Amino acid sequence: MPIIYRLDAPAREVARAMGAEAGDDPWPGGSVSGGGFAPVVTMGREFVAGPRPQQRLPRRMVPRLWGVPPPPAAFEQRRHGILTVRNLESPFWIGNLRNSEFRCLVPATAFMEWGKVDPRDGKRRQCWFGTADHPIFAMAAVWKDSEVPSFDLLACEANAALRAEGRDTMPVILPPEAQDRWLRGDWKRAAELVVPYSSSLMTLRVSG
């Protein structure tokens, strides 16, 4: 799973691509590392107290920290935030995953994975993966509010493009037609989206 990704577009452009309201999000475009703030798109439920409203709420884009603080029992062993959700049945995550208001979209233009070692110099390559069909794409995520407003990316089995670089997992990438189901659908239908993105629809740029 990536430890860094890029979102090379300003907040209002990102919001248009995600069908969301940008509000006062200050995002200028750039890279995101674990522990940093980035735009996150939600169904807007976190701003409404009480029972779920009958009317359809607009998507909202707000800054959140990438990396949910670990549960208290694990804090001594892991003082940095958790960046990915790998176990969908984990008691730490299942309540948020089953309640659609806690699911969110994380916009990106590329994510970085370390590739295989180059035999010519013994160094690993930076592999930047994007999607060929959408310049700004959405990764599936879940948010929590504890000490800070934070989020984590969901992981799934790697597709052929990432396996070729020695990776066994990848972020869950949601095409536009699946995004609303992730944000608003029941968990059984939303969980069906936790699958690898097609290799044929991905781009790869190698550096380093």
C-alpha atoms as a PDB file:
ATOM      1  CA  MET A   1       0.000   0.000   0.000  1.00  0.00           C
ATOM      2  CA  PRO A   2       1.207   3.528  -0.694  1.00  0.00           C
ATOM      3  CA  ILE A   3       2.840   5.755   1.906  1.00  0.00           C
ATOM      4  CA  ILE A   4       2.511   8.771  -0.372  1.00  0.00           C
ATOM      5  CA  TYR A   5       0.149   9.904  -3.113  1.00  0.00           C
ATOM      6  CA  ARG A   6      -0.362  13.021  -5.214  1.00  0.00           C
ATOM      7  CA  LEU A   7      -3.349  15.230  -5.841  1.00  0.00           C
ATOM      8  CA  ASP A   8      -2.129  17.661  -8.470  1.00  0.00           C
ATOM      9  CA  ALA A   9      -5.170  19.914  -8.698  1.00  0.00           C
ATOM     10  CA  PRO A  10      -6.541  22.746  -6.513  1.00  0.00           C
ATOM     11  CA  ALA A  11      -9.532  22.260  -4.245  1.00  0.00           C
ATOM     12  CA  ARG A  12     -12.221  23.644  -6.542  1.00  0.00           C
ATOM     13  CA  GLU A  13     -11.065  21.539  -9.494  1.00  0.00           C
ATOM     14  CA  VAL A  14     -11.008  18.453  -7.295  1.00  0.00           C
ATOM     15  CA  ALA A  15     -14.494  19.212  -5.991  1.00  0.00           C
ATOM     16  CA  ARG A  16     -15.867  19.536  -9.528  1.00  0.00           C
ATOM     17  CA  ALA A  17     -14.362  16.182 -10.484  1.00  0.00           C
ATOM     18  CA  MET A  18     -15.855  14.548  -7.375  1.00  0.00           C
ATOM     19  CA  GLY A  19     -19.265  16.228  -7.637  1.00  0.00           C
ATOM     20  CA  ALA A  20     -18.745  17.871  -4.240  1.00  0.00           C
ATOM     21  CA  GLU A  21     -18.900  21.257  -2.578  1.00  0.00           C
ATOM     22  CA  ALA A  22     -15.368  22.570  -1.942  1.00  0.00           C
ATOM     23  CA  GLY A  23     -16.392  24.966   0.806  1.00  0.00           C
ATOM     24  CA  ASP A  24     -13.295  26.622   2.289  1.00  0.00           C
ATOM     25  CA  ASP A  25     -10.902  23.749   1.635  1.00  0.00           C
ATOM     26  CA  PRO A  26      -7.477  25.411   1.103  1.00  0.00           C
ATOM     27  CA  TRP A  27      -5.846  22.563  -0.859  1.00  0.00           C
ATOM     28  CA  PRO A  28      -3.495  24.038  -3.538  1.00  0.00           C
ATOM     29  CA  GLY A  29      -2.380  20.734  -5.079  1.00  0.00           C
ATOM     30  CA  GLY A  30       0.631  18.575  -4.245  1.00  0.00           C
ATOM     31  CA  SER A  31       1.708  15.394  -2.457  1.00  0.00           C
ATOM     32  CA  VAL A  32       0.243  13.739   0.634  1.00  0.00           C
ATOM     33  CA  SER A  33       2.201  11.621   3.117  1.00  0.00           C
ATOM     34  CA  GLY A  34       1.010   9.741   6.176  1.00  0.00           C
ATOM     35  CA  GLY A  35       0.325  12.203   8.967  1.00  0.00           C
ATOM     36  CA  GLY A  36      -0.554  15.012   6.549  1.00  0.00           C
ATOM     37  CA  PHE A  37      -3.869  16.684   5.813  1.00  0.00           C
ATOM     38  CA  ALA A  38      -5.630  16.163   2.487  1.00  0.00           C
ATOM     39  CA  PRO A  39      -9.085  16.716   0.932  1.00  0.00           C
ATOM     40  CA  VAL A  40     -11.627  13.999   1.687  1.00  0.00           C
ATOM     41  CA  VAL A  41     -15.113  13.747   0.152  1.00  0.00           C
ATOM     42  CA  THR A  42     -17.995  12.620   2.375  1.00  0.00           C
ATOM     43  CA  MET A  43     -21.775  12.435   2.001  1.00  0.00           C
ATOM     44  CA  GLY A  44     -22.020  15.328   4.462  1.00  0.00           C
ATOM     45  CA  ARG A  45     -23.509  13.276   7.297  1.00  0.00           C
ATOM     46  CA  GLU A  46     -20.885  14.342   9.834  1.00  0.00           C
ATOM     47  CA  PHE A  47     -22.357  17.865   9.783  1.00  0.00           C
ATOM     48  CA  VAL A  48     -25.911  16.741  10.618  1.00  0.00           C
ATOM     49  CA  ALA A  49     -26.848  15.748  14.168  1.00  0.00           C
ATOM     50  CA  GLY A  50     -29.515  13.182  14.982  1.00  0.00           C
ATOM     51  CA  PRO A  51     -31.207  10.610  12.715  1.00  0.00           C
ATOM     52  CA  ARG A  52     -30.245  10.405   9.072  1.00  0.00           C
ATOM     53  CA  PRO A  53     -32.185  13.089   7.150  1.00  0.00           C
ATOM     54  CA  GLN A  54     -34.669  11.991   4.499  1.00  0.00           C
ATOM     55  CA  GLN A  55     -33.334  14.364   1.851  1.00  0.00           C
ATOM     56  CA  ARG A  56     -30.214  13.526  -0.120  1.00  0.00           C
ATOM     57  CA  LEU A  57     -27.268  15.482   1.261  1.00  0.00           C
ATOM     58  CA  PRO A  58     -24.694  16.927  -1.149  1.00  0.00           C
ATOM     59  CA  ARG A  59     -21.165  15.588  -1.115  1.00  0.00           C
ATOM     60  CA  ARG A  60     -18.769  17.757   0.859  1.00  0.00           C
ATOM     61  CA  MET A  61     -15.008  18.087   0.655  1.00  0.00           C
ATOM     62  CA  VAL A  62     -13.143  18.717   3.898  1.00  0.00           C
ATOM     63  CA  PRO A  63      -9.513  18.394   5.067  1.00  0.00           C
ATOM     64  CA  ARG A  64      -8.674  15.316   7.153  1.00  0.00           C
ATOM     65  CA  LEU A  65      -5.480  13.764   8.476  1.00  0.00           C
ATOM     66  CA  TRP A  66      -4.222  10.628   6.742  1.00  0.00           C
ATOM     67  CA  GLY A  67      -3.682   8.165   9.566  1.00  0.00           C
ATOM     68  CA  VAL A  68      -6.214   7.176  12.226  1.00  0.00           C
ATOM     69  CA  PRO A  69      -4.742   7.012  15.774  1.00  0.00           C
ATOM     70  CA  PRO A  70      -4.436   3.372  16.907  1.00  0.00           C
ATOM     71  CA  PRO A  71      -6.706   1.970  19.642  1.00  0.00           C
ATOM     72  CA  PRO A  72      -5.436   2.609  23.194  1.00  0.00           C
ATOM     73  CA  ALA A  73      -4.378  -1.026  23.657  1.00  0.00           C
ATOM     74  CA  ALA A  74      -2.019  -0.768  20.681  1.00  0.00           C
ATOM     75  CA  PHE A  75      -0.685   2.725  21.350  1.00  0.00           C
ATOM     76  CA  GLU A  76       2.532   1.644  23.075  1.00  0.00           C
ATOM     77  CA  GLN A  77       3.433  -0.658  20.185  1.00  0.00           C
ATOM     78  CA  ARG A  78       2.347   1.744  17.450  1.00  0.00           C
ATOM     79  CA  ARG A  79       2.593   5.439  18.151  1.00  0.00           C
ATOM     80  CA  HIS A  80       2.043   6.564  14.557  1.00  0.00           C
ATOM     81  CA  GLY A  81      -1.329   6.560  12.836  1.00  0.00           C
ATOM     82  CA  ILE A  82      -2.786   3.601  10.949  1.00  0.00           C
ATOM     83  CA  LEU A  83      -2.776   4.377   7.203  1.00  0.00           C
ATOM     84  CA  THR A  84      -4.771   1.478   5.724  1.00  0.00           C
ATOM     85  CA  VAL A  85      -7.705  -0.802   6.468  1.00  0.00           C
ATOM     86  CA  ARG A  86      -6.773  -4.376   5.528  1.00  0.00           C
ATOM     87  CA  ASN A  87      -9.111  -6.458   7.708  1.00  0.00           C
ATOM     88  CA  LEU A  88     -12.723  -5.581   6.943  1.00  0.00           C
ATOM     89  CA  GLU A  89     -13.930  -7.628   9.934  1.00  0.00           C
ATOM     90  CA  SER A  90     -11.711  -5.870  12.479  1.00  0.00           C
ATOM     91  CA  PRO A  91     -13.730  -4.661  15.511  1.00  0.00           C
ATOM     92  CA  PHE A  92     -11.818  -1.385  15.245  1.00  0.00           C
ATOM     93  CA  TRP A  93     -13.260  -0.707  11.777  1.00  0.00           C
ATOM     94  CA  ILE A  94     -16.438  -2.687  11.298  1.00  0.00           C
ATOM     95  CA  GLY A  95     -18.782  -0.163  12.939  1.00  0.00           C
ATOM     96  CA  ASN A  96     -17.530   2.620  10.676  1.00  0.00           C
ATOM     97  CA  LEU A  97     -17.608   0.464   7.568  1.00  0.00           C
ATOM     98  CA  ARG A  98     -21.149  -0.758   8.163  1.00  0.00           C
ATOM     99  CA  ASN A  99     -22.436   2.801   8.639  1.00  0.00           C
ATOM    100  CA  SER A 100     -22.236   4.515   5.283  1.00  0.00           C
ATOM    101  CA  GLU A 101     -21.867   8.011   6.730  1.00  0.00           C
ATOM    102  CA  PHE A 102     -18.356   7.069   7.841  1.00  0.00           C
ATOM    103  CA  ARG A 103     -17.241   5.993   4.377  1.00  0.00           C
ATOM    104  CA  CYS A 104     -15.509   8.577   2.208  1.00  0.00           C
ATOM    105  CA  LEU A 105     -13.629   9.180  -1.034  1.00  0.00           C
ATOM    106  CA  VAL A 106     -10.001  10.288  -1.192  1.00  0.00           C
ATOM    107  CA  PRO A 107      -9.208  12.100  -4.467  1.00  0.00           C
ATOM    108  CA  ALA A 108      -5.810  11.481  -6.066  1.00  0.00           C
ATOM    109  CA  THR A 109      -3.963  11.852  -9.361  1.00  0.00           C
ATOM    110  CA  ALA A 110      -1.331   9.153  -8.624  1.00  0.00           C
ATOM    111  CA  PHE A 111      -0.060   6.959  -5.811  1.00  0.00           C
ATOM    112  CA  MET A 112       3.455   5.678  -5.224  1.00  0.00           C
ATOM    113  CA  GLU A 113       4.534   2.117  -4.557  1.00  0.00           C
ATOM    114  CA  TRP A 114       8.117   0.902  -4.271  1.00  0.00           C
ATOM    115  CA  GLY A 115       8.868  -1.371  -7.210  1.00  0.00           C
ATOM    116  CA  LYS A 116      11.318  -4.205  -7.597  1.00  0.00           C
ATOM    117  CA  VAL A 117      15.065  -3.721  -7.163  1.00  0.00           C
ATOM    118  CA  ASP A 118      16.780  -2.578 -10.349  1.00  0.00           C
ATOM    119  CA  PRO A 119      19.554  -5.143 -10.974  1.00  0.00           C
ATOM    120  CA  ARG A 120      21.712  -2.476 -12.615  1.00  0.00           C
ATOM    121  CA  ASP A 121      22.186  -0.406  -9.467  1.00  0.00           C
ATOM    122  CA  GLY A 122      20.541  -2.421  -6.669  1.00  0.00           C
ATOM    123  CA  LYS A 123      17.996   0.324  -5.957  1.00  0.00           C
ATOM    124  CA  ARG A 124      14.227   0.097  -5.786  1.00  0.00           C
ATOM    125  CA  ARG A 125      12.225   2.237  -8.187  1.00  0.00           C
ATOM    126  CA  GLN A 126       9.429   4.636  -7.361  1.00  0.00           C
ATOM    127  CA  CYS A 127       6.375   3.475  -9.305  1.00  0.00           C
ATOM    128  CA  TRP A 128       3.678   6.108  -9.682  1.00  0.00           C
ATOM    129  CA  PHE A 129       0.338   4.572 -10.617  1.00  0.00           C
ATOM    130  CA  GLY A 130      -2.590   6.544 -11.993  1.00  0.00           C
ATOM    131  CA  THR A 131      -5.750   5.806 -13.946  1.00  0.00           C
ATOM    132  CA  ALA A 132      -5.928   6.212 -17.698  1.00  0.00           C
ATOM    133  CA  ASP A 133      -9.669   6.860 -17.739  1.00  0.00           C
ATOM    134  CA  HIS A 134      -9.865   9.592 -15.067  1.00  0.00           C
ATOM    135  CA  PRO A 135      -7.125  12.192 -14.357  1.00  0.00           C
ATOM    136  CA  ILE A 136      -8.530  12.659 -10.823  1.00  0.00           C
ATOM    137  CA  PHE A 137      -9.673   9.348  -9.362  1.00  0.00           C
ATOM    138  CA  ALA A 138     -11.211   8.336  -6.037  1.00  0.00           C
ATOM    139  CA  MET A 139      -9.812   5.868  -3.517  1.00  0.00           C
ATOM    140  CA  ALA A 140     -12.193   4.223  -1.049  1.00  0.00           C
ATOM    141  CA  ALA A 141     -11.637   5.244   2.556  1.00  0.00           C
ATOM    142  CA  VAL A 142     -13.260   5.457   5.976  1.00  0.00           C
ATOM    143  CA  TRP A 143     -13.115   8.319   8.464  1.00  0.00           C
ATOM    144  CA  LYS A 144     -13.008   8.515  12.245  1.00  0.00           C
ATOM    145  CA  ASP A 145     -13.128  11.390  14.699  1.00  0.00           C
ATOM    146  CA  SER A 146     -10.995  10.793  17.771  1.00  0.00           C
ATOM    147  CA  GLU A 147      -8.178  13.133  18.760  1.00  0.00           C
ATOM    148  CA  VAL A 148      -8.158  14.507  15.212  1.00  0.00           C
ATOM    149  CA  PRO A 149     -10.452  14.267  12.153  1.00  0.00           C
ATOM    150  CA  SER A 150      -8.695  11.472  10.265  1.00  0.00           C
ATOM    151  CA  PHE A 151      -9.128   8.860   7.525  1.00  0.00           C
ATOM    152  CA  ASP A 152      -7.658   5.575   6.300  1.00  0.00           C
ATOM    153  CA  LEU A 153      -7.481   4.079   2.814  1.00  0.00           C
ATOM    154  CA  LEU A 154      -8.944   0.645   2.129  1.00  0.00           C
ATOM    155  CA  ALA A 155      -6.638  -2.059   0.805  1.00  0.00           C
ATOM    156  CA  CYS A 156      -7.441  -4.918  -1.548  1.00  0.00           C
ATOM    157  CA  GLU A 157      -5.533  -7.572  -3.457  1.00  0.00           C
ATOM    158  CA  ALA A 158      -3.088  -6.111  -5.984  1.00  0.00           C
ATOM    159  CA  ASN A 159      -3.896  -6.266  -9.686  1.00  0.00           C
ATOM    160  CA  ALA A 160      -1.454  -7.597 -12.283  1.00  0.00           C
ATOM    161  CA  ALA A 161       0.237  -4.219 -12.783  1.00  0.00           C
ATOM    162  CA  LEU A 162       1.163  -3.946  -9.107  1.00  0.00           C
ATOM    163  CA  ARG A 163       2.008  -7.622  -8.731  1.00  0.00           C
ATOM    164  CA  ALA A 164       4.519  -7.168 -11.541  1.00  0.00           C
ATOM    165  CA  GLU A 165       6.314  -4.709  -9.251  1.00  0.00           C
ATOM    166  CA  GLY A 166       6.267  -7.090  -6.309  1.00  0.00           C
ATOM    167  CA  ARG A 167       3.247  -5.647  -4.472  1.00  0.00           C
ATOM    168  CA  ASP A 168       0.511  -7.805  -2.950  1.00  0.00           C
ATOM    169  CA  THR A 169      -1.994  -5.074  -2.064  1.00  0.00           C
ATOM    170  CA  MET A 170      -3.229  -1.807  -3.564  1.00  0.00           C
ATOM    171  CA  PRO A 171      -5.707   0.964  -2.745  1.00  0.00           C
ATOM    172  CA  VAL A 172      -9.347   0.371  -3.645  1.00  0.00           C
ATOM    173  CA  ILE A 173     -10.023   2.649  -6.628  1.00  0.00           C
ATOM    174  CA  LEU A 174     -13.665   3.501  -7.296  1.00  0.00           C
ATOM    175  CA  PRO A 175     -14.887   4.425 -10.782  1.00  0.00           C
ATOM    176  CA  PRO A 176     -17.450   7.267 -10.862  1.00  0.00           C
ATOM    177  CA  GLU A 177     -20.405   4.893 -11.202  1.00  0.00           C
ATOM    178  CA  ALA A 178     -19.410   3.094  -7.966  1.00  0.00           C
ATOM    179  CA  GLN A 179     -18.695   6.111  -5.779  1.00  0.00           C
ATOM    180  CA  ASP A 180     -22.261   6.765  -4.708  1.00  0.00           C
ATOM    181  CA  ARG A 181     -22.710   3.145  -3.669  1.00  0.00           C
ATOM    182  CA  TRP A 182     -19.614   3.432  -1.475  1.00  0.00           C
ATOM    183  CA  LEU A 183     -20.869   6.646   0.138  1.00  0.00           C
ATOM    184  CA  ARG A 184     -24.541   5.707   0.584  1.00  0.00           C
ATOM    185  CA  GLY A 185     -25.074   1.975   0.046  1.00  0.00           C
ATOM    186  CA  ASP A 186     -25.566  -0.758   2.625  1.00  0.00           C
ATOM    187  CA  TRP A 187     -22.418  -2.569   3.699  1.00  0.00           C
ATOM    188  CA  LYS A 188     -23.124  -5.785   1.788  1.00  0.00           C
ATOM    189  CA  ARG A 189     -23.246  -3.921  -1.523  1.00  0.00           C
ATOM    190  CA  ALA A 190     -20.416  -1.548  -0.633  1.00  0.00           C
ATOM    191  CA  ALA A 191     -18.112  -4.415   0.357  1.00  0.00           C
ATOM    192  CA  GLU A 192     -18.440  -5.805  -3.176  1.00  0.00           C
ATOM    193  CA  LEU A 193     -16.442  -2.760  -4.356  1.00  0.00           C
ATOM    194  CA  VAL A 194     -13.326  -3.797  -2.413  1.00  0.00           C
ATOM    195  CA  VAL A 195     -11.659  -5.358  -5.464  1.00  0.00           C
ATOM    196  CA  PRO A 196      -8.583  -4.597  -7.602  1.00  0.00           C
ATOM    197  CA  TYR A 197      -8.880  -1.930 -10.291  1.00  0.00           C
ATOM    198  CA  SER A 198      -8.331  -3.173 -13.829  1.00  0.00           C
ATOM    199  CA  SER A 199      -4.658  -3.149 -14.853  1.00  0.00           C
ATOM    200  CA  SER A 200      -5.662  -2.142 -18.376  1.00  0.00           C
ATOM    201  CA  LEU A 201      -7.064   1.138 -17.022  1.00  0.00           C
ATOM    202  CA  MET A 202      -3.928   2.105 -15.104  1.00  0.00           C
ATOM    203  CA  THR A 203      -0.853   4.129 -16.020  1.00  0.00           C
ATOM    204  CA  LEU A 204       2.666   3.740 -14.649  1.00  0.00           C
ATOM    205  CA  ARG A 205       5.483   6.279 -14.394  1.00  0.00           C
ATOM    206  CA  VAL A 206       8.811   5.108 -12.973  1.00  0.00           C
ATOM    207  CA  SER A 207      11.328   7.386 -11.257  1.00  0.00           C
ATOM    208  CA  GLY A 208      14.278   7.132  -8.901  1.00  0.00           C
END
